[in-house]
Amino acid sequence: MPTFTPLQRLVVSVAILASFVTFLDGTVVNVALPAISRELGGGIATQQWVVDAYLITLSSLILLAGSVSDAYGRVLVMRIGLIAFGVASVAVAAAPDPLILIIARAAQGAAGALLVPSSLALITATMRGEVQSRAIGVWTAFTTGAQLVGPVMGGMFVDLLSWRFVFLINVLPIAVNLILLGRLHLPAHQRTTKVDWWSGVLCAIGLGGLVFALIEQERMGWSAAAIWIPGALGILLLVLFVLRQRGSDAALMPLSLFNVRNFAWGNLATLFIYAALSLNGFVIGVYLQQGPGLSATAAGLASLPITILMILLSSRAGAWAGRLGPRLFMTVGPLLMSVGAALLLTVGVEFDYWWQVLPSMLVLGIGLSLTVAPLTSAILGAIDENRSGIASAVNNAVSRVAGLLVVALLSTIVGGALDLNGFHSAALVTAGLFALGGVVSWIGIRRTPVEEPAA
């Protein structure tokens, strides 16, 4: 197994901590949603907006952030993102009503957009081959672990203190990473000179309008002008965004990237897999509290087996994929997760975690461990290192948009209420999405010589 140099270890540490805060904050909120709703009001719509306000700005601006990262330097962009994320987190914790909370969550997402593409770009630009695959595996283990341990930490804060403290968890990793960034000295990389700001505006407003319509249509109906006008405008702006990418010499999402087979098919697999992960995380965190009546801490602990398996297996899966190719792992992993999601159909009125939920968590954990590092490595390893920032941004945007849309459709998926029937409906949809991810990977992914940068 390849070893890291001191510089590579520092790069991996910085990348992990930078992404840690965004992944943590994206999932830690799930177990806090019932408490937020009880204190501030608003029901399931407020719960959806607390999640999606963060994902809208994160998803829509992450492409712009990838381009800015390549243009102005990854370390500088990461430093700005960390500081802004810390300030926004304090604003979320102090929010007096749902509107201020949602606005502050949107600001958090905007800051988070600066962090994820910069962090992965540091890895893909400084390492290649098996070392890169292993580094991505380590990054995956800890950042995905952050997504999964987040509900545990969030539940403890909700039960012992207040939901407001949930959003202050990331202050320490932000401070540590700012110190590490000061010690990271990298050779100057070739920087682009243009950033397509207008494309960023089209993407942000387009996604915002579409998601607003998807969430609020349950309350107002599709025939309401306040629903179909923002929805139609959002779709129009997103179409214009894609068309602009064809003619722009500084495209935020260069369509030529999708001419690379593993990049195109890998992102399609990402869409299905991360939609399933987002849906599963949301319904587990909320239903176990509102249905069986578990405490926030217990609901968070429900997913702990996934975290443990991710930490134990992801690094090895990344290294194996570097030697054997990613196709097998990206097929078997999602199919295992599909089985794990289907096992949640055993949850009944008489609730028993050990027989109804734990088996699902174990199977999901093994499948996720086999999937995420090979998926990331297959996508980013196929792209030239000079475009690593934008390639990382596109892949992360796809994963965030997947979560954004599936949460926006939550009311439709669960039939308007997250009761037992709604929970079972969500489990079926989750299983189907995972299965699609595995099938797409088997059809589209091929092994490429990762030792040489792709043209």
Protein backbone atom coordinates (compact mmCIF):
# COMPACT_ATOMS: atom_id res chain seq x y z
CA MET A 1 0.00 0.00 0.00
CA PRO A 2 1.53 3.39 -1.02
CA THR A 3 2.66 5.72 1.75
CA PHE A 4 2.35 9.49 1.99
CA THR A 5 5.18 12.00 2.15
CA PRO A 6 5.00 14.62 4.95
CA LEU A 7 3.65 17.18 2.46
CA GLN A 8 1.02 14.76 1.20
CA ARG A 9 -0.06 13.97 4.77
CA LEU A 10 -0.50 17.69 5.43
CA VAL A 11 -2.48 18.11 2.19
CA VAL A 12 -4.78 15.21 3.11
CA SER A 13 -5.27 16.60 6.64
CA VAL A 14 -6.18 20.06 5.32
CA ALA A 15 -8.51 18.57 2.71
CA ILE A 16 -10.27 16.41 5.30
CA LEU A 17 -10.82 19.23 7.79
CA ALA A 18 -12.02 21.67 5.11
CA SER A 19 -14.60 19.24 3.79
CA PHE A 20 -15.41 17.93 7.28
CA VAL A 21 -17.27 21.05 8.32
CA THR A 22 -19.50 21.14 5.22
CA PHE A 23 -20.34 17.44 5.31
CA LEU A 24 -20.89 17.56 9.08
CA ASP A 25 -23.19 20.55 8.86
CA GLY A 26 -25.12 19.02 6.00
CA THR A 27 -26.19 16.02 8.10
CA VAL A 28 -25.94 17.07 11.74
CA VAL A 29 -29.09 19.11 11.17
CA ASN A 30 -31.27 16.05 10.48
CA VAL A 31 -31.65 15.03 14.13
CA ALA A 32 -32.17 18.66 15.15
CA LEU A 33 -35.13 19.21 12.81
CA PRO A 34 -37.87 18.08 15.22
CA ALA A 35 -36.47 20.32 17.98
CA ILE A 36 -36.19 23.28 15.57
CA SER A 37 -39.77 22.75 14.45
CA ARG A 38 -41.02 22.56 18.04
CA GLU A 39 -39.27 25.80 19.05
CA LEU A 40 -39.68 27.91 15.91
CA GLY A 41 -42.72 26.28 14.27
CA GLY A 42 -43.43 25.68 10.59
CA GLY A 43 -43.85 21.89 10.41
CA ILE A 44 -42.40 19.76 7.62
CA ALA A 45 -42.01 22.77 5.27
CA THR A 46 -39.65 24.49 7.72
CA GLN A 47 -37.74 21.22 8.13
CA GLN A 48 -37.33 20.93 4.37
CA TRP A 49 -36.19 24.54 4.02
CA VAL A 50 -33.63 24.28 6.84
CA VAL A 51 -32.01 21.46 4.87
CA ASP A 52 -32.53 22.80 1.36
CA ALA A 53 -31.55 26.45 1.99
CA TYR A 54 -28.08 25.11 2.78
CA LEU A 55 -28.08 22.77 -0.21
CA ILE A 56 -29.38 25.36 -2.69
CA THR A 57 -26.47 27.74 -2.21
CA LEU A 58 -23.95 24.93 -1.76
CA SER A 59 -25.12 23.20 -4.95
CA SER A 60 -25.54 26.26 -7.12
CA LEU A 61 -22.35 28.04 -6.10
CA ILE A 62 -20.01 25.06 -5.91
CA LEU A 63 -19.40 25.22 -9.67
CA LEU A 64 -18.55 28.90 -9.43
CA ALA A 65 -16.34 28.13 -6.43
CA GLY A 66 -14.44 25.48 -8.38
CA SER A 67 -13.69 28.01 -11.10
CA VAL A 68 -12.71 30.66 -8.54
CA SER A 69 -10.47 28.09 -6.84
CA ASP A 70 -8.60 27.45 -10.09
CA ALA A 71 -8.41 31.18 -10.85
CA TYR A 72 -7.27 32.63 -7.53
CA GLY A 73 -5.63 29.72 -5.73
CA ARG A 74 -7.02 26.87 -3.66
CA VAL A 75 -5.44 27.82 -0.36
CA LEU A 76 -6.72 31.41 -0.51
CA VAL A 77 -10.25 30.33 -1.46
CA MET A 78 -10.27 27.71 1.28
CA ARG A 79 -9.17 30.24 3.91
CA ILE A 80 -11.95 32.66 2.94
CA GLY A 81 -14.48 29.83 2.97
CA LEU A 82 -13.48 28.65 6.44
CA ILE A 83 -13.80 32.12 7.97
CA ALA A 84 -17.16 32.79 6.27
CA PHE A 85 -18.47 29.39 7.33
CA GLY A 86 -17.60 30.06 10.95
CA VAL A 87 -19.39 33.43 10.93
CA ALA A 88 -22.50 31.95 9.27
CA SER A 89 -22.57 29.10 11.80
CA VAL A 90 -22.77 31.58 14.67
CA ALA A 91 -25.63 33.37 12.87
CA VAL A 92 -27.53 30.08 12.49
CA ALA A 93 -27.11 29.28 16.19
CA ALA A 94 -28.48 32.72 17.16
CA ALA A 95 -31.47 32.74 14.75
CA PRO A 96 -34.66 33.98 16.50
CA ASP A 97 -37.18 32.75 13.88
CA PRO A 98 -37.45 30.42 10.87
CA LEU A 99 -36.77 33.15 8.28
CA ILE A 100 -33.48 34.28 9.84
CA LEU A 101 -32.49 30.64 10.35
CA ILE A 102 -33.12 29.80 6.71
CA ILE A 103 -31.21 32.88 5.48
CA ALA A 104 -28.25 32.03 7.72
CA ARG A 105 -28.32 28.42 6.49
CA ALA A 106 -28.14 29.73 2.92
CA ALA A 107 -25.08 31.79 3.90
CA GLN A 108 -23.51 28.65 5.38
CA GLY A 109 -24.04 26.81 2.12
CA ALA A 110 -22.43 29.63 0.14
CA ALA A 111 -19.35 29.49 2.35
CA GLY A 112 -19.29 25.70 2.19
CA ALA A 113 -19.23 25.88 -1.60
CA LEU A 114 -15.75 27.41 -1.35
CA LEU A 115 -14.41 24.50 0.68
CA VAL A 116 -15.24 21.18 -0.98
CA PRO A 117 -13.84 21.70 -4.51
CA SER A 118 -10.73 23.37 -3.10
CA SER A 119 -10.05 20.47 -0.75
CA LEU A 120 -10.37 17.69 -3.31
CA ALA A 121 -8.47 19.74 -5.89
CA LEU A 122 -5.51 19.89 -3.48
CA ILE A 123 -5.39 16.09 -3.48
CA THR A 124 -5.90 15.53 -7.21
CA ALA A 125 -3.39 18.25 -8.14
CA THR A 126 -0.58 16.98 -5.87
CA MET A 127 -0.99 13.19 -6.18
CA ARG A 128 -1.64 10.70 -8.97
CA GLY A 129 -1.98 6.96 -9.39
CA GLU A 130 -2.33 4.64 -6.38
CA VAL A 131 -1.25 7.39 -3.96
CA GLN A 132 -4.13 9.55 -5.16
CA SER A 133 -6.57 6.64 -4.87
CA ARG A 134 -5.46 5.97 -1.31
CA ALA A 135 -5.61 9.68 -0.41
CA ILE A 136 -9.15 9.92 -1.76
CA GLY A 137 -10.00 6.80 0.21
CA VAL A 138 -8.73 8.39 3.44
CA TRP A 139 -10.53 11.65 2.60
CA THR A 140 -13.71 9.70 1.91
CA ALA A 141 -13.50 7.73 5.16
CA PHE A 142 -13.28 10.84 7.31
CA THR A 143 -15.57 13.17 5.38
CA THR A 144 -18.27 10.55 4.92
CA GLY A 145 -17.71 9.62 8.54
CA ALA A 146 -18.44 13.27 9.34
CA GLN A 147 -21.76 12.95 7.53
CA LEU A 148 -22.62 9.89 9.54
CA VAL A 149 -21.23 10.79 12.97
CA GLY A 150 -22.93 14.18 12.64
CA PRO A 151 -26.34 12.85 13.71
CA VAL A 152 -24.78 11.26 16.82
CA MET A 153 -23.09 14.48 17.89
CA GLY A 154 -26.13 16.54 16.95
CA GLY A 155 -28.45 14.30 18.94
CA MET A 156 -26.35 14.64 22.08
CA PHE A 157 -26.30 18.43 21.76
CA VAL A 158 -30.07 18.55 21.19
CA ASP A 159 -30.82 16.33 24.21
CA LEU A 160 -28.24 17.75 26.64
CA LEU A 161 -28.08 21.42 25.61
CA SER A 162 -30.03 22.92 22.69
CA TRP A 163 -30.35 22.46 18.95
CA ARG A 164 -28.55 25.80 18.62
CA PHE A 165 -25.27 24.28 19.82
CA VAL A 166 -25.46 21.76 16.97
CA PHE A 167 -24.29 24.47 14.57
CA LEU A 168 -21.27 25.42 16.69
CA ILE A 169 -19.69 21.95 16.47
CA ASN A 170 -17.55 22.98 13.51
CA VAL A 171 -15.84 25.94 15.20
CA LEU A 172 -12.91 23.82 16.46
CA PRO A 173 -12.10 22.07 13.14
CA ILE A 174 -12.27 25.45 11.40
CA ALA A 175 -9.73 26.94 13.82
CA VAL A 176 -7.39 23.95 13.49
CA ASN A 177 -7.52 24.03 9.71
CA LEU A 178 -6.74 27.73 9.54
CA ILE A 179 -3.56 26.96 11.50
CA LEU A 180 -2.64 24.05 9.19
CA LEU A 181 -3.25 26.20 6.11
CA GLY A 182 -0.62 28.62 7.36
CA ARG A 183 1.91 25.76 7.26
CA LEU A 184 0.99 24.50 3.80
CA HIS A 185 3.33 25.83 1.12
CA LEU A 186 2.64 24.50 -2.38
CA PRO A 187 4.25 25.36 -5.73
CA ALA A 188 2.26 27.93 -7.65
CA HIS A 189 -0.20 26.25 -9.98
CA GLN A 190 -1.26 27.47 -13.41
CA ARG A 191 -4.26 29.72 -12.88
CA THR A 192 -7.06 30.58 -15.26
CA THR A 193 -7.80 34.26 -15.86
CA LYS A 194 -11.58 34.26 -16.30
CA VAL A 195 -14.51 33.38 -14.06
CA ASP A 196 -17.99 33.18 -15.60
CA TRP A 197 -19.98 35.03 -12.92
CA TRP A 198 -23.16 35.18 -15.03
CA SER A 199 -23.30 31.39 -15.20
CA GLY A 200 -23.12 31.33 -11.42
CA VAL A 201 -26.13 33.67 -11.23
CA LEU A 202 -28.15 31.58 -13.70
CA CYS A 203 -27.41 28.37 -11.80
CA ALA A 204 -28.16 29.82 -8.36
CA ILE A 205 -31.47 31.50 -9.25
CA GLY A 206 -32.55 28.60 -11.46
CA LEU A 207 -32.04 26.01 -8.73
CA GLY A 208 -33.66 28.27 -6.15
CA GLY A 209 -36.81 28.77 -8.22
CA LEU A 210 -37.17 25.08 -9.03
CA VAL A 211 -36.66 23.93 -5.44
CA PHE A 212 -39.08 26.57 -4.11
CA ALA A 213 -41.77 25.20 -6.41
CA LEU A 214 -41.07 21.57 -5.44
CA ILE A 215 -41.25 22.26 -1.71
CA GLU A 216 -44.18 24.68 -1.61
CA GLN A 217 -46.39 22.91 -4.17
CA GLU A 218 -47.55 20.52 -1.46
CA ARG A 219 -49.08 23.51 0.36
CA MET A 220 -50.25 25.72 -2.55
CA GLY A 221 -50.73 23.29 -5.45
CA TRP A 222 -49.15 23.36 -8.91
CA SER A 223 -51.89 25.61 -10.31
CA ALA A 224 -50.91 28.52 -8.04
CA ALA A 225 -49.02 31.28 -9.84
CA ALA A 226 -46.65 31.50 -6.86
CA ILE A 227 -45.61 27.91 -7.66
CA TRP A 228 -45.57 27.45 -11.42
CA ILE A 229 -43.98 30.82 -12.23
CA PRO A 230 -40.86 30.29 -10.05
CA GLY A 231 -40.73 26.65 -11.20
CA ALA A 232 -40.92 27.54 -14.89
CA LEU A 233 -38.45 30.39 -14.46
CA GLY A 234 -36.06 28.06 -12.62
CA ILE A 235 -36.17 25.49 -15.41
CA LEU A 236 -35.68 28.21 -18.05
CA LEU A 237 -32.64 29.66 -16.24
CA LEU A 238 -31.10 26.20 -15.81
CA VAL A 239 -31.53 25.55 -19.55
CA LEU A 240 -29.88 28.90 -20.28
CA PHE A 241 -27.09 27.94 -17.88
CA VAL A 242 -26.39 24.73 -19.80
CA LEU A 243 -26.54 26.53 -23.16
CA ARG A 244 -24.13 29.17 -21.89
CA GLN A 245 -21.62 26.46 -21.00
CA ARG A 246 -21.42 25.47 -24.65
CA GLY A 247 -20.23 28.88 -25.80
CA SER A 248 -18.28 30.16 -22.82
CA ASP A 249 -14.49 30.13 -22.81
CA ALA A 250 -14.58 30.14 -18.99
CA ALA A 251 -17.41 27.65 -18.45
CA LEU A 252 -18.28 26.71 -14.87
CA MET A 253 -19.30 23.26 -16.07
CA PRO A 254 -17.27 22.55 -19.22
CA LEU A 255 -19.39 20.14 -21.23
CA SER A 256 -16.21 18.68 -22.72
CA LEU A 257 -15.59 17.01 -19.36
CA PHE A 258 -18.55 14.75 -20.08
CA ASN A 259 -16.77 13.42 -23.17
CA VAL A 260 -14.62 11.47 -20.70
CA ARG A 261 -16.49 8.21 -20.19
CA ASN A 262 -15.80 7.63 -16.47
CA PHE A 263 -16.54 11.25 -15.64
CA ALA A 264 -19.91 11.22 -17.42
CA TRP A 265 -21.13 7.83 -16.19
CA GLY A 266 -19.63 8.35 -12.74
CA ASN A 267 -21.58 11.56 -12.29
CA LEU A 268 -24.79 9.85 -13.38
CA ALA A 269 -24.13 7.16 -10.75
CA THR A 270 -23.38 9.92 -8.24
CA LEU A 271 -26.80 11.48 -8.93
CA PHE A 272 -28.65 8.29 -7.98
CA ILE A 273 -26.41 7.22 -5.09
CA TYR A 274 -26.30 10.58 -3.33
CA ALA A 275 -30.02 11.16 -3.80
CA ALA A 276 -30.54 7.86 -1.99
CA LEU A 277 -28.07 8.75 0.77
CA SER A 278 -29.70 12.14 1.37
CA LEU A 279 -33.20 10.68 1.48
CA ASN A 280 -32.13 7.89 3.82
CA GLY A 281 -30.31 10.25 6.20
CA PHE A 282 -33.27 12.64 6.39
CA VAL A 283 -35.96 10.06 7.07
CA ILE A 284 -33.87 8.06 9.57
CA GLY A 285 -33.02 11.17 11.60
CA VAL A 286 -36.57 12.50 11.67
CA TYR A 287 -38.77 9.37 11.70
CA LEU A 288 -37.00 7.60 14.57
CA GLN A 289 -37.85 10.60 16.75
CA GLN A 290 -41.36 11.32 15.47
CA GLY A 291 -42.38 7.66 15.00
CA PRO A 292 -40.97 5.29 17.66
CA GLY A 293 -40.22 8.32 19.85
CA LEU A 294 -36.46 7.86 20.22
CA SER A 295 -34.42 10.67 21.70
CA ALA A 296 -32.31 12.78 19.35
CA THR A 297 -29.17 11.05 20.66
CA ALA A 298 -30.61 7.57 20.09
CA ALA A 299 -31.75 8.54 16.59
CA GLY A 300 -28.23 9.75 15.84
CA LEU A 301 -26.65 6.59 17.26
CA ALA A 302 -28.82 4.49 14.95
CA SER A 303 -26.43 5.19 12.06
CA LEU A 304 -23.21 4.73 14.06
CA PRO A 305 -22.47 1.28 12.55
CA ILE A 306 -22.20 2.91 9.12
CA THR A 307 -19.65 5.37 10.47
CA ILE A 308 -17.51 2.65 12.02
CA LEU A 309 -17.51 0.55 8.85
CA MET A 310 -16.68 3.59 6.71
CA ILE A 311 -13.66 4.46 8.84
CA LEU A 312 -12.45 0.84 8.84
CA LEU A 313 -12.97 0.01 5.17
CA SER A 314 -12.96 3.14 2.96
CA SER A 315 -9.21 3.61 2.79
CA ARG A 316 -8.69 -0.03 1.83
CA ALA A 317 -11.48 0.11 -0.75
CA GLY A 318 -9.83 3.15 -2.33
CA ALA A 319 -6.48 1.35 -2.53
CA TRP A 320 -8.09 -1.84 -3.93
CA ALA A 321 -9.89 0.19 -6.59
CA GLY A 322 -6.56 1.80 -7.52
CA ARG A 323 -5.18 -1.67 -8.30
CA LEU A 324 -8.25 -3.51 -9.61
CA GLY A 325 -10.26 -0.69 -11.14
CA PRO A 326 -13.44 0.93 -9.77
CA ARG A 327 -16.16 -0.81 -11.80
CA LEU A 328 -16.68 -3.84 -9.56
CA PHE A 329 -16.77 -1.78 -6.36
CA MET A 330 -19.14 0.83 -7.84
CA THR A 331 -21.52 -1.93 -8.90
CA VAL A 332 -21.50 -4.24 -5.89
CA GLY A 333 -21.49 -1.40 -3.33
CA PRO A 334 -24.72 0.35 -4.45
CA LEU A 335 -26.51 -2.99 -4.93
CA LEU A 336 -25.61 -3.91 -1.34
CA MET A 337 -26.92 -0.53 -0.20
CA SER A 338 -30.14 -1.20 -2.10
CA VAL A 339 -30.58 -4.39 -0.07
CA GLY A 340 -29.79 -2.45 3.12
CA ALA A 341 -32.42 0.18 2.36
CA ALA A 342 -35.01 -2.51 1.57
CA LEU A 343 -34.36 -4.08 4.98
CA LEU A 344 -35.90 -0.96 6.54
CA LEU A 345 -39.27 -2.26 5.35
CA THR A 346 -39.13 -4.56 8.40
CA VAL A 347 -39.66 -1.53 10.68
CA GLY A 348 -43.13 -1.87 12.16
CA VAL A 349 -45.46 -0.40 14.75
CA GLU A 350 -43.72 -2.52 17.41
CA PHE A 351 -40.29 -0.99 17.00
CA ASP A 352 -37.08 -2.97 17.63
CA TYR A 353 -33.81 -1.34 16.61
CA TRP A 354 -31.69 -4.49 16.87
CA TRP A 355 -33.76 -6.56 14.44
CA GLN A 356 -35.38 -3.90 12.27
CA VAL A 357 -32.73 -1.19 11.82
CA LEU A 358 -29.28 -2.55 12.75
CA PRO A 359 -29.13 -5.15 9.93
CA SER A 360 -29.90 -2.37 7.45
CA MET A 361 -27.18 -0.13 8.90
CA LEU A 362 -24.57 -2.90 8.66
CA VAL A 363 -25.36 -3.71 5.04
CA LEU A 364 -25.50 0.00 4.15
CA GLY A 365 -22.14 0.56 5.84
CA ILE A 366 -20.40 -2.21 3.91
CA GLY A 367 -21.92 -1.07 0.61
CA LEU A 368 -21.08 2.58 1.21
CA SER A 369 -17.50 1.72 2.17
CA LEU A 370 -17.04 -0.15 -1.11
CA THR A 371 -18.61 2.61 -3.19
CA VAL A 372 -17.59 6.14 -2.27
CA ALA A 373 -13.80 6.15 -2.59
CA PRO A 374 -13.76 4.20 -5.91
CA LEU A 375 -16.54 6.46 -7.22
CA THR A 376 -14.64 9.65 -6.41
CA SER A 377 -11.35 8.22 -7.68
CA ALA A 378 -12.89 7.01 -10.95
CA ILE A 379 -14.42 10.40 -11.69
CA LEU A 380 -11.56 12.71 -10.71
CA GLY A 381 -8.75 10.36 -11.75
CA ALA A 382 -10.04 10.50 -15.32
CA ILE A 383 -9.54 14.28 -15.59
CA ASP A 384 -6.32 16.20 -16.13
CA GLU A 385 -4.92 17.73 -12.94
CA ASN A 386 -5.05 21.25 -14.43
CA ARG A 387 -8.85 20.94 -14.43
CA SER A 388 -9.07 19.14 -11.09
CA GLY A 389 -10.77 22.05 -9.33
CA ILE A 390 -13.65 22.34 -11.76
CA ALA A 391 -13.98 18.55 -12.11
CA SER A 392 -14.25 18.23 -8.33
CA ALA A 393 -16.77 21.08 -8.26
CA VAL A 394 -18.96 19.46 -10.93
CA ASN A 395 -19.00 16.12 -9.11
CA ASN A 396 -19.79 17.73 -5.78
CA ALA A 397 -22.48 19.87 -7.39
CA VAL A 398 -24.10 16.74 -8.81
CA SER A 399 -24.13 15.06 -5.39
CA ARG A 400 -25.54 18.15 -3.66
CA VAL A 401 -28.20 18.74 -6.33
CA ALA A 402 -29.23 15.10 -5.95
CA GLY A 403 -29.79 15.62 -2.22
CA LEU A 404 -31.43 18.98 -2.80
CA LEU A 405 -34.04 17.63 -5.21
CA VAL A 406 -34.88 14.50 -3.25
CA VAL A 407 -35.45 16.49 -0.04
CA ALA A 408 -37.56 18.99 -2.00
CA LEU A 409 -39.67 16.04 -3.18
CA LEU A 410 -39.93 14.56 0.31
CA SER A 411 -43.61 15.37 0.83
CA THR A 412 -44.46 13.69 -2.46
CA ILE A 413 -42.32 10.63 -1.66
CA VAL A 414 -43.79 10.07 1.82
CA GLY A 415 -47.35 11.06 0.90
CA GLY A 416 -47.43 14.27 2.92
CA ALA A 417 -46.53 12.80 6.33
CA LEU A 418 -43.46 10.99 7.63
CA ASP A 419 -45.43 8.29 9.42
CA LEU A 420 -44.76 4.53 9.15
CA ASN A 421 -46.28 4.28 5.67
CA GLY A 422 -44.29 7.32 4.56
CA PHE A 423 -41.12 5.80 6.04
CA HIS A 424 -41.70 2.58 4.07
CA SER A 425 -42.31 4.58 0.88
CA ALA A 426 -39.03 6.43 1.40
CA ALA A 427 -37.21 3.11 1.98
CA LEU A 428 -38.51 1.74 -1.33
CA VAL A 429 -37.48 4.87 -3.25
CA THR A 430 -34.06 4.79 -1.56
CA ALA A 431 -33.53 1.13 -2.51
CA GLY A 432 -34.50 1.88 -6.11
CA LEU A 433 -32.10 4.81 -6.37
CA PHE A 434 -29.20 2.77 -5.00
CA ALA A 435 -29.94 -0.05 -7.45
CA LEU A 436 -29.94 2.42 -10.36
CA GLY A 437 -26.55 3.68 -9.21
CA GLY A 438 -25.13 0.15 -9.32
CA VAL A 439 -26.58 -0.63 -12.76
CA VAL A 440 -25.30 2.65 -14.23
CA SER A 441 -21.82 1.97 -12.84
CA TRP A 442 -21.70 -1.52 -14.36
CA ILE A 443 -22.81 -0.22 -17.75
CA GLY A 444 -20.62 2.87 -17.92
CA ILE A 445 -17.49 2.64 -15.79
CA ARG A 446 -14.25 1.32 -17.30
CA ARG A 447 -10.74 1.01 -15.98
CA THR A 448 -8.38 3.75 -17.16
CA PRO A 449 -4.60 4.11 -16.68
CA VAL A 450 -4.69 6.49 -13.67
CA GLU A 451 -0.92 6.73 -13.55
CA GLU A 452 -1.07 9.19 -16.46
CA PRO A 453 -3.23 12.32 -16.38
CA ALA A 454 -6.11 12.20 -18.81
CA ALA A 455 -5.93 14.56 -21.76
